[in-house]
Amino acid sequence: MGRAFEYRRAAKEKRWDKMSKIFPKLAKAITYAAKEGGSDPTMNAKLRTAIANAKAQNMPKDNIDAAIKRASGKDGIFSEITYEGKAAYGVLIFIECTTDNPTRTIANIKSYFNKTPNASILTNGSVDFMFARKSVFEFRTQENIADLELALIDYGLEELESIEDEEGSYYIAYGDYKDFGTLNEGFESLQIPILKATLQRIPTSPITLNESQMQEIEKLLDKIEEDDDVQAVYTNIQ
């Protein structure tokens, strides 16, 4: 599986101002999870994962607690919505949103595409089949990775990837999206702290862009990703 595009976006996220970009999205994910499955993390795996993701980004405990509390109020009513689109050079885009105002969200998303040459919103279902849904867990460990890989296979692990960054090595574990809960339980059982846990859409037929094409497409992707209602953006770029 090609991951160059994801690495490039991840590196950019690290440069974002977390208070203005990352934290509101994390808080919204926590509120939605608490609204959907209850405010007790021990009884709500989705909330437990959302909190773990927030902690991995150094989100303050007060912010996390406030996001959980918000689920019991009138402003804690969110819905999850997806949008699909295309851009120049054969780029396909899948967008996941969590919003309390779908009318506002689609108006914003449409405006980003309308202002971009050769880009347009598509009917839902147009590009979804071009992506495989996967459970994705990022983690660091000092354990014997071969033994850990064998143990995680019992919980649904399909692929394990090693990545080098400025802090050393970290790992990305992939499994079928249906095995998200089981894999999460595996990490908890093996006492392996998770840096980030998500359901992602991996392109089944990735494409490669040159540097100038990538810069052009990133202008659209930046606008989409910076929208407060957007939780994740996936493309078929290698």
Foldseek 3Di string as FASTA:
>chain_A
DDCVVVVVVVVVVVVDDCVQAPLLLLLLQLLQQCLVFNLDCVRGVSNVQSVLQCVLVVNDPVSSVVSNVCNPDPVSDWDKDKWWKAAPPGKIKIFIFIDPDVVVLVVQLQVLQVVAPRMGTDDPPPCLVQWAKKKKWKFDDPDDVVVLQVQLVVLFWDDKDWDQDPVGIMIMTIGHPVSNVSSVVSCVVVVTRTSHIDIDIAGPQADEDDPVVVVSVVVSVVSRSRDSGTNDMDMSHD
